[in-house]
Amino acid sequence: MVGPLGPYALLAGLFLITAVLGQLISNMATALVVIPVAAAASLDLGLSIQPVLMSVTVAAAASFLTPVATPVNMMIMGPGGYRFGDYWKLGLLMMVLFFVVAVFLVPVFWPFARG
């Protein structure tokens, strides 16, 4: 849906899909589900696959909003005295930071041009 809007819109769309899925299932499973879609989209748009896959990787690592997102979040919930809603407080800020990295910084190191 976002492909015609350009490569940055593609990265933003893939980030949102990956980030939402990553809060509900493991980040590795999320990456395995999204990577084939991301690869097909990058090839359809004539983009290098590297920035698209690296962006998905960064998005899959952004599992900060729920305790079920990663085992580490769940492990610290009890001993730290955290509640389910506590993860949003810092997690949302971290999610925004990861979004900026995935959409705007990744293409700096892995350009969209095929070569």
PDB file of N, CA and C in Angstrom:
ATOM      1  N   MET A   1       0.809  -1.208   0.000  1.00  0.00           N
ATOM      2  CA  MET A   1       0.000   0.000   0.000  1.00  0.00           C
ATOM      3  C   MET A   1       0.851   1.271   0.000  1.00  0.00           C
ATOM      4  N   VAL A   2       2.007   1.242   0.648  1.00  0.00           N
ATOM      5  CA  VAL A   2       2.817   2.453   0.746  1.00  0.00           C
ATOM      6  C   VAL A   2       3.922   2.506  -0.293  1.00  0.00           C
ATOM      7  N   GLY A   3       4.083   1.454  -1.075  1.00  0.00           N
ATOM      8  CA  GLY A   3       5.148   1.400  -2.071  1.00  0.00           C
ATOM      9  C   GLY A   3       5.182   2.576  -3.030  1.00  0.00           C
ATOM     10  N   PRO A   4       4.038   2.987  -3.582  1.00  0.00           N
ATOM     11  CA  PRO A   4       4.055   4.127  -4.512  1.00  0.00           C
ATOM     12  C   PRO A   4       4.474   5.449  -3.876  1.00  0.00           C
ATOM     13  N   LEU A   5       4.446   5.528  -2.563  1.00  0.00           N
ATOM     14  CA  LEU A   5       4.820   6.765  -1.875  1.00  0.00           C
ATOM     15  C   LEU A   5       6.325   6.926  -1.729  1.00  0.00           C
ATOM     16  N   GLY A   6       7.097   5.915  -2.098  1.00  0.00           N
ATOM     17  CA  GLY A   6       8.545   6.019  -2.054  1.00  0.00           C
ATOM     18  C   GLY A   6       9.184   5.106  -1.027  1.00  0.00           C
ATOM     19  N   PRO A   7      10.507   5.046  -1.049  1.00  0.00           N
ATOM     20  CA  PRO A   7      11.211   4.106  -0.170  1.00  0.00           C
ATOM     21  C   PRO A   7      11.100   4.430   1.315  1.00  0.00           C
ATOM     22  N   TYR A   8      11.045   5.706   1.674  1.00  0.00           N
ATOM     23  CA  TYR A   8      10.930   6.033   3.093  1.00  0.00           C
ATOM     24  C   TYR A   8       9.562   5.645   3.644  1.00  0.00           C
ATOM     25  N   ALA A   9       8.533   5.797   2.826  1.00  0.00           N
ATOM     26  CA  ALA A   9       7.198   5.364   3.236  1.00  0.00           C
ATOM     27  C   ALA A   9       7.155   3.843   3.382  1.00  0.00           C
ATOM     28  N   LEU A  10       7.875   3.144   2.508  1.00  0.00           N
ATOM     29  CA  LEU A  10       7.960   1.682   2.616  1.00  0.00           C
ATOM     30  C   LEU A  10       8.605   1.293   3.939  1.00  0.00           C
ATOM     31  N   LEU A  11       9.700   1.943   4.287  1.00  0.00           N
ATOM     32  CA  LEU A  11      10.367   1.636   5.557  1.00  0.00           C
ATOM     33  C   LEU A  11       9.461   1.961   6.740  1.00  0.00           C
ATOM     34  N   ALA A  12       8.751   3.074   6.674  1.00  0.00           N
ATOM     35  CA  ALA A  12       7.858   3.446   7.770  1.00  0.00           C
ATOM     36  C   ALA A  12       6.717   2.433   7.909  1.00  0.00           C
ATOM     37  N   GLY A  13       6.147   2.022   6.792  1.00  0.00           N
ATOM     38  CA  GLY A  13       5.070   1.041   6.831  1.00  0.00           C
ATOM     39  C   GLY A  13       5.524  -0.302   7.366  1.00  0.00           C
ATOM     40  N   LEU A  14       6.686  -0.742   6.909  1.00  0.00           N
ATOM     41  CA  LEU A  14       7.232  -2.008   7.400  1.00  0.00           C
ATOM     42  C   LEU A  14       7.580  -1.914   8.880  1.00  0.00           C
ATOM     43  N   PHE A  15       8.072  -0.753   9.305  1.00  0.00           N
ATOM     44  CA  PHE A  15       8.374  -0.580  10.724  1.00  0.00           C
ATOM     45  C   PHE A  15       7.108  -0.723  11.558  1.00  0.00           C
ATOM     46  N   LEU A  16       6.040  -0.065  11.136  1.00  0.00           N
ATOM     47  CA  LEU A  16       4.795  -0.118  11.905  1.00  0.00           C
ATOM     48  C   LEU A  16       4.257  -1.537  11.985  1.00  0.00           C
ATOM     49  N   ILE A  17       4.256  -2.251  10.875  1.00  0.00           N
ATOM     50  CA  ILE A  17       3.781  -3.640  10.884  1.00  0.00           C
ATOM     51  C   ILE A  17       4.646  -4.494  11.803  1.00  0.00           C
ATOM     52  N   THR A  18       5.953  -4.358  11.661  1.00  0.00           N
ATOM     53  CA  THR A  18       6.880  -5.162  12.452  1.00  0.00           C
ATOM     54  C   THR A  18       6.788  -4.816  13.932  1.00  0.00           C
ATOM     55  N   ALA A  19       6.689  -3.535  14.237  1.00  0.00           N
ATOM     56  CA  ALA A  19       6.629  -3.112  15.636  1.00  0.00           C
ATOM     57  C   ALA A  19       5.344  -3.591  16.309  1.00  0.00           C
ATOM     58  N   VAL A  20       4.244  -3.517  15.613  1.00  0.00           N
ATOM     59  CA  VAL A  20       2.980  -3.976  16.204  1.00  0.00           C
ATOM     60  C   VAL A  20       3.020  -5.482  16.443  1.00  0.00           C
ATOM     61  N   LEU A  21       3.448  -6.237  15.424  1.00  0.00           N
ATOM     62  CA  LEU A  21       3.553  -7.688  15.598  1.00  0.00           C
ATOM     63  C   LEU A  21       4.543  -8.056  16.693  1.00  0.00           C
ATOM     64  N   GLY A  22       5.622  -7.281  16.790  1.00  0.00           N
ATOM     65  CA  GLY A  22       6.668  -7.563  17.769  1.00  0.00           C
ATOM     66  C   GLY A  22       6.231  -7.395  19.206  1.00  0.00           C
ATOM     67  N   GLN A  23       5.131  -6.691  19.431  1.00  0.00           N
ATOM     68  CA  GLN A  23       4.622  -6.543  20.791  1.00  0.00           C
ATOM     69  C   GLN A  23       3.779  -7.740  21.212  1.00  0.00           C
ATOM     70  N   LEU A  24       3.351  -8.521  20.225  1.00  0.00           N
ATOM     71  CA  LEU A  24       2.434  -9.625  20.500  1.00  0.00           C
ATOM     72  C   LEU A  24       3.087 -11.000  20.415  1.00  0.00           C
ATOM     73  N   ILE A  25       4.089 -11.134  19.547  1.00  0.00           N
ATOM     74  CA  ILE A  25       4.815 -12.397  19.401  1.00  0.00           C
ATOM     75  C   ILE A  25       6.298 -12.103  19.491  1.00  0.00           C
ATOM     76  N   SER A  26       7.123 -13.120  19.517  1.00  0.00           N
ATOM     77  CA  SER A  26       8.564 -12.896  19.675  1.00  0.00           C
ATOM     78  C   SER A  26       9.124 -12.100  18.502  1.00  0.00           C
ATOM     79  N   ASN A  27      10.186 -11.360  18.774  1.00  0.00           N
ATOM     80  CA  ASN A  27      10.768 -10.534  17.722  1.00  0.00           C
ATOM     81  C   ASN A  27      11.376 -11.372  16.597  1.00  0.00           C
ATOM     82  N   MET A  28      11.872 -12.546  16.910  1.00  0.00           N
ATOM     83  CA  MET A  28      12.424 -13.407  15.864  1.00  0.00           C
ATOM     84  C   MET A  28      11.313 -13.921  14.945  1.00  0.00           C
ATOM     85  N   ALA A  29      10.202 -14.328  15.541  1.00  0.00           N
ATOM     86  CA  ALA A  29       9.069 -14.776  14.732  1.00  0.00           C
ATOM     87  C   ALA A  29       8.525 -13.628  13.888  1.00  0.00           C
ATOM     88  N   THR A  30       8.489 -12.447  14.462  1.00  0.00           N
ATOM     89  CA  THR A  30       8.032 -11.277  13.715  1.00  0.00           C
ATOM     90  C   THR A  30       8.910 -11.022  12.509  1.00  0.00           C
ATOM     91  N   ALA A  31      10.217 -11.063  12.702  1.00  0.00           N
ATOM     92  CA  ALA A  31      11.134 -10.846  11.586  1.00  0.00           C
ATOM     93  C   ALA A  31      10.940 -11.907  10.507  1.00  0.00           C
ATOM     94  N   LEU A  32      10.754 -13.142  10.916  1.00  0.00           N
ATOM     95  CA  LEU A  32      10.568 -14.214   9.936  1.00  0.00           C
ATOM     96  C   LEU A  32       9.269 -14.068   9.148  1.00  0.00           C
ATOM     97  N   VAL A  33       8.274 -13.473   9.743  1.00  0.00           N
ATOM     98  CA  VAL A  33       7.008 -13.241   9.039  1.00  0.00           C
ATOM     99  C   VAL A  33       7.126 -12.053   8.074  1.00  0.00           C
ATOM    100  N   VAL A  34       7.800 -10.987   8.494  1.00  0.00           N
ATOM    101  CA  VAL A  34       7.827  -9.746   7.718  1.00  0.00           C
ATOM    102  C   VAL A  34       8.911  -9.750   6.638  1.00  0.00           C
ATOM    103  N   ILE A  35      10.003 -10.449   6.835  1.00  0.00           N
ATOM    104  CA  ILE A  35      11.118 -10.408   5.880  1.00  0.00           C
ATOM    105  C   ILE A  35      10.711 -10.791   4.458  1.00  0.00           C
ATOM    106  N   PRO A  36       9.934 -11.864   4.227  1.00  0.00           N
ATOM    107  CA  PRO A  36       9.555 -12.158   2.834  1.00  0.00           C
ATOM    108  C   PRO A  36       8.727 -11.040   2.187  1.00  0.00           C
ATOM    109  N   VAL A  37       7.861 -10.416   2.964  1.00  0.00           N
ATOM    110  CA  VAL A  37       7.057  -9.300   2.441  1.00  0.00           C
ATOM    111  C   VAL A  37       7.966  -8.117   2.112  1.00  0.00           C
ATOM    112  N   ALA A  38       8.899  -7.821   3.003  1.00  0.00           N
ATOM    113  CA  ALA A  38       9.825  -6.709   2.796  1.00  0.00           C
ATOM    114  C   ALA A  38      10.718  -6.956   1.585  1.00  0.00           C
ATOM    115  N   ALA A  39      11.205  -8.168   1.441  1.00  0.00           N
ATOM    116  CA  ALA A  39      12.064  -8.494   0.296  1.00  0.00           C
ATOM    117  C   ALA A  39      11.302  -8.347  -1.016  1.00  0.00           C
ATOM    118  N   ALA A  40      10.082  -8.851  -1.064  1.00  0.00           N
ATOM    119  CA  ALA A  40       9.276  -8.734  -2.278  1.00  0.00           C
ATOM    120  C   ALA A  40       8.978  -7.273  -2.595  1.00  0.00           C
ATOM    121  N   ALA A  41       8.668  -6.485  -1.578  1.00  0.00           N
ATOM    122  CA  ALA A  41       8.369  -5.069  -1.801  1.00  0.00           C
ATOM    123  C   ALA A  41       9.581  -4.317  -2.323  1.00  0.00           C
ATOM    124  N   SER A  42      10.758  -4.601  -1.765  1.00  0.00           N
ATOM    125  CA  SER A  42      11.964  -3.899  -2.228  1.00  0.00           C
ATOM    126  C   SER A  42      12.299  -4.270  -3.668  1.00  0.00           C
ATOM    127  N   LEU A  43      12.118  -5.521  -4.015  1.00  0.00           N
ATOM    128  CA  LEU A  43      12.380  -5.935  -5.394  1.00  0.00           C
ATOM    129  C   LEU A  43      11.366  -5.331  -6.363  1.00  0.00           C
ATOM    130  N   ASP A  44      10.099  -5.259  -5.946  1.00  0.00           N
ATOM    131  CA  ASP A  44       9.064  -4.651  -6.792  1.00  0.00           C
ATOM    132  C   ASP A  44       9.340  -3.177  -7.060  1.00  0.00           C
ATOM    133  N   LEU A  45       9.907  -2.488  -6.071  1.00  0.00           N
ATOM    134  CA  LEU A  45      10.209  -1.065  -6.233  1.00  0.00           C
ATOM    135  C   LEU A  45      11.586  -0.817  -6.837  1.00  0.00           C
ATOM    136  N   GLY A  46      12.328  -1.877  -7.087  1.00  0.00           N
ATOM    137  CA  GLY A  46      13.667  -1.727  -7.666  1.00  0.00           C
ATOM    138  C   GLY A  46      14.686  -1.183  -6.683  1.00  0.00           C
ATOM    139  N   LEU A  47      14.471  -1.424  -5.403  1.00  0.00           N
ATOM    140  CA  LEU A  47      15.386  -0.946  -4.365  1.00  0.00           C
ATOM    141  C   LEU A  47      16.344  -2.042  -3.957  1.00  0.00           C
ATOM    142  N   SER A  48      17.449  -1.625  -3.396  1.00  0.00           N
ATOM    143  CA  SER A  48      18.363  -2.587  -2.790  1.00  0.00           C
ATOM    144  C   SER A  48      17.651  -3.223  -1.603  1.00  0.00           C
ATOM    145  N   ILE A  49      17.873  -4.496  -1.427  1.00  0.00           N
ATOM    146  CA  ILE A  49      17.192  -5.222  -0.353  1.00  0.00           C
ATOM    147  C   ILE A  49      17.830  -4.944   1.017  1.00  0.00           C
ATOM    148  N   GLN A  50      19.074  -4.516   1.031  1.00  0.00           N
ATOM    149  CA  GLN A  50      19.799  -4.322   2.291  1.00  0.00           C
ATOM    150  C   GLN A  50      19.167  -3.290   3.231  1.00  0.00           C
ATOM    151  N   PRO A  51      18.843  -2.073   2.777  1.00  0.00           N
ATOM    152  CA  PRO A  51      18.253  -1.123   3.735  1.00  0.00           C
ATOM    153  C   PRO A  51      16.877  -1.566   4.228  1.00  0.00           C
ATOM    154  N   VAL A  52      16.136  -2.244   3.377  1.00  0.00           N
ATOM    155  CA  VAL A  52      14.799  -2.689   3.767  1.00  0.00           C
ATOM    156  C   VAL A  52      14.898  -3.769   4.840  1.00  0.00           C
ATOM    157  N   LEU A  53      15.789  -4.729   4.637  1.00  0.00           N
ATOM    158  CA  LEU A  53      15.943  -5.796   5.634  1.00  0.00           C
ATOM    159  C   LEU A  53      16.566  -5.288   6.927  1.00  0.00           C
ATOM    160  N   MET A  54      17.489  -4.355   6.836  1.00  0.00           N
ATOM    161  CA  MET A  54      18.072  -3.791   8.050  1.00  0.00           C
ATOM    162  C   MET A  54      17.032  -2.992   8.835  1.00  0.00           C
ATOM    163  N   SER A  55      16.154  -2.306   8.127  1.00  0.00           N
ATOM    164  CA  SER A  55      15.086  -1.572   8.798  1.00  0.00           C
ATOM    165  C   SER A  55      14.135  -2.525   9.510  1.00  0.00           C
ATOM    166  N   VAL A  56      13.803  -3.635   8.878  1.00  0.00           N
ATOM    167  CA  VAL A  56      12.952  -4.645   9.515  1.00  0.00           C
ATOM    168  C   VAL A  56      13.651  -5.222  10.741  1.00  0.00           C
ATOM    169  N   THR A  57      14.946  -5.417  10.655  1.00  0.00           N
ATOM    170  CA  THR A  57      15.706  -5.943  11.782  1.00  0.00           C
ATOM    171  C   THR A  57      15.663  -4.981  12.974  1.00  0.00           C
ATOM    172  N   VAL A  58      15.858  -3.703  12.700  1.00  0.00           N
ATOM    173  CA  VAL A  58      15.789  -2.702  13.772  1.00  0.00           C
ATOM    174  C   VAL A  58      14.381  -2.670  14.367  1.00  0.00           C
ATOM    175  N   ALA A  59      13.369  -2.724  13.514  1.00  0.00           N
ATOM    176  CA  ALA A  59      11.979  -2.698  13.987  1.00  0.00           C
ATOM    177  C   ALA A  59      11.654  -3.933  14.820  1.00  0.00           C
ATOM    178  N   ALA A  60      12.180  -5.077  14.422  1.00  0.00           N
ATOM    179  CA  ALA A  60      11.920  -6.307  15.174  1.00  0.00           C
ATOM    180  C   ALA A  60      12.572  -6.257  16.555  1.00  0.00           C
ATOM    181  N   ALA A  61      13.655  -5.517  16.673  1.00  0.00           N
ATOM    182  CA  ALA A  61      14.329  -5.390  17.966  1.00  0.00           C
ATOM    183  C   ALA A  61      13.631  -4.395  18.889  1.00  0.00           C
ATOM    184  N   ALA A  62      12.666  -3.641  18.365  1.00  0.00           N
ATOM    185  CA  ALA A  62      11.985  -2.608  19.145  1.00  0.00           C
ATOM    186  C   ALA A  62      10.784  -3.183  19.882  1.00  0.00           C
ATOM    187  N   SER A  63      11.023  -4.096  20.762  1.00  0.00           N
ATOM    188  CA  SER A  63       9.953  -4.742  21.523  1.00  0.00           C
ATOM    189  C   SER A  63       9.949  -4.204  22.946  1.00  0.00           C
ATOM    190  N   PHE A  64       9.385  -3.025  23.102  1.00  0.00           N
ATOM    191  CA  PHE A  64       9.465  -2.337  24.388  1.00  0.00           C
ATOM    192  C   PHE A  64       8.122  -2.067  25.051  1.00  0.00           C
ATOM    193  N   LEU A  65       7.027  -2.238  24.336  1.00  0.00           N
ATOM    194  CA  LEU A  65       5.746  -1.741  24.830  1.00  0.00           C
ATOM    195  C   LEU A  65       4.956  -2.709  25.699  1.00  0.00           C
ATOM    196  N   THR A  66       5.291  -3.991  25.645  1.00  0.00           N
ATOM    197  CA  THR A  66       4.566  -4.974  26.458  1.00  0.00           C
ATOM    198  C   THR A  66       5.551  -5.936  27.115  1.00  0.00           C
ATOM    199  N   PRO A  67       5.167  -6.533  28.234  1.00  0.00           N
ATOM    200  CA  PRO A  67       6.053  -7.507  28.863  1.00  0.00           C
ATOM    201  C   PRO A  67       6.132  -8.824  28.094  1.00  0.00           C
ATOM    202  N   VAL A  68       5.183  -9.098  27.230  1.00  0.00           N
ATOM    203  CA  VAL A  68       5.215 -10.350  26.469  1.00  0.00           C
ATOM    204  C   VAL A  68       6.037 -10.235  25.195  1.00  0.00           C
ATOM    205  N   ALA A  69       6.562  -9.045  24.902  1.00  0.00           N
ATOM    206  CA  ALA A  69       7.300  -8.825  23.660  1.00  0.00           C
ATOM    207  C   ALA A  69       8.607  -9.617  23.618  1.00  0.00           C
ATOM    208  N   THR A  70       9.309  -9.670  24.717  1.00  0.00           N
ATOM    209  CA  THR A  70      10.555 -10.434  24.775  1.00  0.00           C
ATOM    210  C   THR A  70      10.662 -11.099  26.151  1.00  0.00           C
ATOM    211  N   PRO A  71      11.422 -12.172  26.240  1.00  0.00           N
ATOM    212  CA  PRO A  71      11.599 -12.830  27.544  1.00  0.00           C
ATOM    213  C   PRO A  71      12.212 -11.914  28.598  1.00  0.00           C
ATOM    214  N   VAL A  72      13.088 -11.019  28.195  1.00  0.00           N
ATOM    215  CA  VAL A  72      13.730 -10.118  29.155  1.00  0.00           C
ATOM    216  C   VAL A  72      12.690  -9.213  29.812  1.00  0.00           C
ATOM    217  N   ASN A  73      11.757  -8.701  29.026  1.00  0.00           N
ATOM    218  CA  ASN A  73      10.705  -7.861  29.600  1.00  0.00           C
ATOM    219  C   ASN A  73       9.910  -8.629  30.648  1.00  0.00           C
ATOM    220  N   MET A  74       9.610  -9.876  30.360  1.00  0.00           N
ATOM    221  CA  MET A  74       8.831 -10.691  31.292  1.00  0.00           C
ATOM    222  C   MET A  74       9.647 -11.020  32.541  1.00  0.00           C
ATOM    223  N   MET A  75      10.946 -11.273  32.375  1.00  0.00           N
ATOM    224  CA  MET A  75      11.787 -11.648  33.516  1.00  0.00           C
ATOM    225  C   MET A  75      11.915 -10.521  34.535  1.00  0.00           C
ATOM    226  N   ILE A  76      11.939  -9.284  34.090  1.00  0.00           N
ATOM    227  CA  ILE A  76      12.115  -8.179  35.037  1.00  0.00           C
ATOM    228  C   ILE A  76      10.795  -7.673  35.604  1.00  0.00           C
ATOM    229  N   MET A  77       9.688  -8.146  35.069  1.00  0.00           N
ATOM    230  CA  MET A  77       8.385  -7.663  35.526  1.00  0.00           C
ATOM    231  C   MET A  77       8.162  -7.937  37.014  1.00  0.00           C
ATOM    232  N   GLY A  78       8.339  -9.153  37.439  1.00  0.00           N
ATOM    233  CA  GLY A  78       8.117  -9.523  38.837  1.00  0.00           C
ATOM    234  C   GLY A  78       9.125  -8.894  39.784  1.00  0.00           C
ATOM    235  N   PRO A  79      10.432  -9.157  39.600  1.00  0.00           N
ATOM    236  CA  PRO A  79      11.420  -8.600  40.520  1.00  0.00           C
ATOM    237  C   PRO A  79      11.455  -7.074  40.536  1.00  0.00           C
ATOM    238  N   GLY A  80      11.140  -6.443  39.411  1.00  0.00           N
ATOM    239  CA  GLY A  80      11.167  -4.983  39.349  1.00  0.00           C
ATOM    240  C   GLY A  80       9.894  -4.337  39.853  1.00  0.00           C
ATOM    241  N   GLY A  81       8.857  -5.140  40.077  1.00  0.00           N
ATOM    242  CA  GLY A  81       7.592  -4.612  40.548  1.00  0.00           C
ATOM    243  C   GLY A  81       6.822  -3.856  39.478  1.00  0.00           C
ATOM    244  N   TYR A  82       7.086  -4.195  38.210  1.00  0.00           N
ATOM    245  CA  TYR A  82       6.411  -3.512  37.118  1.00  0.00           C
ATOM    246  C   TYR A  82       5.028  -4.092  36.875  1.00  0.00           C
ATOM    247  N   ARG A  83       4.140  -3.258  36.358  1.00  0.00           N
ATOM    248  CA  ARG A  83       2.830  -3.690  35.906  1.00  0.00           C
ATOM    249  C   ARG A  83       2.811  -3.613  34.378  1.00  0.00           C
ATOM    250  N   PHE A  84       1.807  -4.217  33.784  1.00  0.00           N
ATOM    251  CA  PHE A  84       1.717  -4.266  32.317  1.00  0.00           C
ATOM    252  C   PHE A  84       1.802  -2.865  31.706  1.00  0.00           C
ATOM    253  N   GLY A  85       1.099  -1.919  32.269  1.00  0.00           N
ATOM    254  CA  GLY A  85       1.062  -0.562  31.729  1.00  0.00           C
ATOM    255  C   GLY A  85       2.342   0.235  31.915  1.00  0.00           C
ATOM    256  N   ASP A  86       3.230  -0.208  32.775  1.00  0.00           N
ATOM    257  CA  ASP A  86       4.477   0.526  33.013  1.00  0.00           C
ATOM    258  C   ASP A  86       5.418   0.512  31.817  1.00  0.00           C
ATOM    259  N   TYR A  87       5.302  -0.462  30.960  1.00  0.00           N
ATOM    260  CA  TYR A  87       6.225  -0.588  29.836  1.00  0.00           C
ATOM    261  C   TYR A  87       6.040   0.530  28.808  1.00  0.00           C
ATOM    262  N   TRP A  88       4.867   1.131  28.754  1.00  0.00           N
ATOM    263  CA  TRP A  88       4.605   2.196  27.797  1.00  0.00           C
ATOM    264  C   TRP A  88       5.381   3.467  28.121  1.00  0.00           C
ATOM    265  N   LYS A  89       5.671   3.694  29.376  1.00  0.00           N
ATOM    266  CA  LYS A  89       6.262   4.964  29.788  1.00  0.00           C
ATOM    267  C   LYS A  89       7.601   5.231  29.112  1.00  0.00           C
ATOM    268  N   LEU A  90       8.516   4.313  29.174  1.00  0.00           N
ATOM    269  CA  LEU A  90       9.803   4.469  28.501  1.00  0.00           C
ATOM    270  C   LEU A  90       9.786   3.796  27.137  1.00  0.00           C
ATOM    271  N   GLY A  91       8.960   2.773  27.001  1.00  0.00           N
ATOM    272  CA  GLY A  91       8.914   2.020  25.750  1.00  0.00           C
ATOM    273  C   GLY A  91       8.498   2.844  24.557  1.00  0.00           C
ATOM    274  N   LEU A  92       7.579   3.778  24.740  1.00  0.00           N
ATOM    275  CA  LEU A  92       7.122   4.600  23.628  1.00  0.00           C
ATOM    276  C   LEU A  92       8.235   5.526  23.143  1.00  0.00           C
ATOM    277  N   LEU A  93       8.982   6.087  24.063  1.00  0.00           N
ATOM    278  CA  LEU A  93      10.125   6.930  23.685  1.00  0.00           C
ATOM    279  C   LEU A  93      11.166   6.106  22.928  1.00  0.00           C
ATOM    280  N   MET A  94      11.443   4.918  23.409  1.00  0.00           N
ATOM    281  CA  MET A  94      12.404   4.045  22.728  1.00  0.00           C
ATOM    282  C   MET A  94      11.886   3.639  21.343  1.00  0.00           C
ATOM    283  N   MET A  95      10.589   3.408  21.230  1.00  0.00           N
ATOM    284  CA  MET A  95       9.997   3.049  19.952  1.00  0.00           C
ATOM    285  C   MET A  95      10.167   4.178  18.931  1.00  0.00           C
ATOM    286  N   VAL A  96       9.966   5.406  19.368  1.00  0.00           N
ATOM    287  CA  VAL A  96      10.157   6.563  18.481  1.00  0.00           C
ATOM    288  C   VAL A  96      11.618   6.650  18.045  1.00  0.00           C
ATOM    289  N   LEU A  97      12.535   6.449  18.962  1.00  0.00           N
ATOM    290  CA  LEU A  97      13.960   6.474  18.632  1.00  0.00           C
ATOM    291  C   LEU A  97      14.300   5.378  17.613  1.00  0.00           C
ATOM    292  N   PHE A  98      13.805   4.183  17.816  1.00  0.00           N
ATOM    293  CA  PHE A  98      14.055   3.095  16.875  1.00  0.00           C
ATOM    294  C   PHE A  98      13.414   3.382  15.520  1.00  0.00           C
ATOM    295  N   PHE A  99      12.259   4.045  15.503  1.00  0.00           N
ATOM    296  CA  PHE A  99      11.615   4.427  14.241  1.00  0.00           C
ATOM    297  C   PHE A  99      12.518   5.364  13.449  1.00  0.00           C
ATOM    298  N   VAL A 100      13.062   6.363  14.116  1.00  0.00           N
ATOM    299  CA  VAL A 100      13.960   7.320  13.446  1.00  0.00           C
ATOM    300  C   VAL A 100      15.177   6.594  12.883  1.00  0.00           C
ATOM    301  N   VAL A 101      15.744   5.697  13.654  1.00  0.00           N
ATOM    302  CA  VAL A 101      16.906   4.938  13.188  1.00  0.00           C
ATOM    303  C   VAL A 101      16.533   4.075  11.988  1.00  0.00           C
ATOM    304  N   ALA A 102      15.424   3.339  12.089  1.00  0.00           N
ATOM    305  CA  ALA A 102      15.028   2.394  11.039  1.00  0.00           C
ATOM    306  C   ALA A 102      14.652   3.090   9.741  1.00  0.00           C
ATOM    307  N   VAL A 103      14.027   4.240   9.826  1.00  0.00           N
ATOM    308  CA  VAL A 103      13.524   4.896   8.619  1.00  0.00           C
ATOM    309  C   VAL A 103      14.512   5.908   8.041  1.00  0.00           C
ATOM    310  N   PHE A 104      15.217   6.639   8.887  1.00  0.00           N
ATOM    311  CA  PHE A 104      16.057   7.709   8.382  1.00  0.00           C
ATOM    312  C   PHE A 104      17.558   7.454   8.471  1.00  0.00           C
ATOM    313  N   LEU A 105      18.007   6.668   9.423  1.00  0.00           N
ATOM    314  CA  LEU A 105      19.448   6.439   9.570  1.00  0.00           C
ATOM    315  C   LEU A 105      19.927   5.206   8.809  1.00  0.00           C
ATOM    316  N   VAL A 106      19.133   4.170   8.762  1.00  0.00           N
ATOM    317  CA  VAL A 106      19.533   2.957   8.032  1.00  0.00           C
ATOM    318  C   VAL A 106      19.880   3.262   6.572  1.00  0.00           C
ATOM    319  N   PRO A 107      19.072   4.074   5.839  1.00  0.00           N
ATOM    320  CA  PRO A 107      19.429   4.363   4.448  1.00  0.00           C
ATOM    321  C   PRO A 107      20.725   5.140   4.274  1.00  0.00           C
ATOM    322  N   VAL A 108      21.197   5.790   5.326  1.00  0.00           N
ATOM    323  CA  VAL A 108      22.473   6.496   5.244  1.00  0.00           C
ATOM    324  C   VAL A 108      23.618   5.473   5.086  1.00  0.00           C
ATOM    325  N   PHE A 109      23.520   4.377   5.823  1.00  0.00           N
ATOM    326  CA  PHE A 109      24.584   3.362   5.794  1.00  0.00           C
ATOM    327  C   PHE A 109      24.351   2.304   4.713  1.00  0.00           C
ATOM    328  N   TRP A 110      23.096   2.037   4.384  1.00  0.00           N
ATOM    329  CA  TRP A 110      22.749   1.092   3.329  1.00  0.00           C
ATOM    330  C   TRP A 110      21.838   1.815   2.348  1.00  0.00           C
ATOM    331  N   PRO A 111      22.395   2.408   1.297  1.00  0.00           N
ATOM    332  CA  PRO A 111      21.599   3.221   0.364  1.00  0.00           C
ATOM    333  C   PRO A 111      20.544   2.401  -0.375  1.00  0.00           C
ATOM    334  N   PHE A 112      19.498   3.086  -0.840  1.00  0.00           N
ATOM    335  CA  PHE A 112      18.421   2.431  -1.571  1.00  0.00           C
ATOM    336  C   PHE A 112      18.824   2.003  -2.967  1.00  0.00           C
ATOM    337  N   ALA A 113      19.834   2.649  -3.533  1.00  0.00           N
ATOM    338  CA  ALA A 113      20.250   2.345  -4.907  1.00  0.00           C
ATOM    339  C   ALA A 113      20.843   0.939  -4.993  1.00  0.00           C
ATOM    340  N   ARG A 114      20.429   0.240  -6.032  1.00  0.00           N
ATOM    341  CA  ARG A 114      20.990  -1.102  -6.249  1.00  0.00           C
ATOM    342  C   ARG A 114      22.365  -0.943  -6.881  1.00  0.00           C
ATOM    343  N   GLY A 115      23.231  -1.829  -6.484  1.00  0.00           N
ATOM    344  CA  GLY A 115      24.540  -1.673  -7.096  1.00  0.00           C
ATOM    345  C   GLY A 115      25.444  -2.833  -6.932  1.00  0.00           C
TER     346      GLY A 115
END
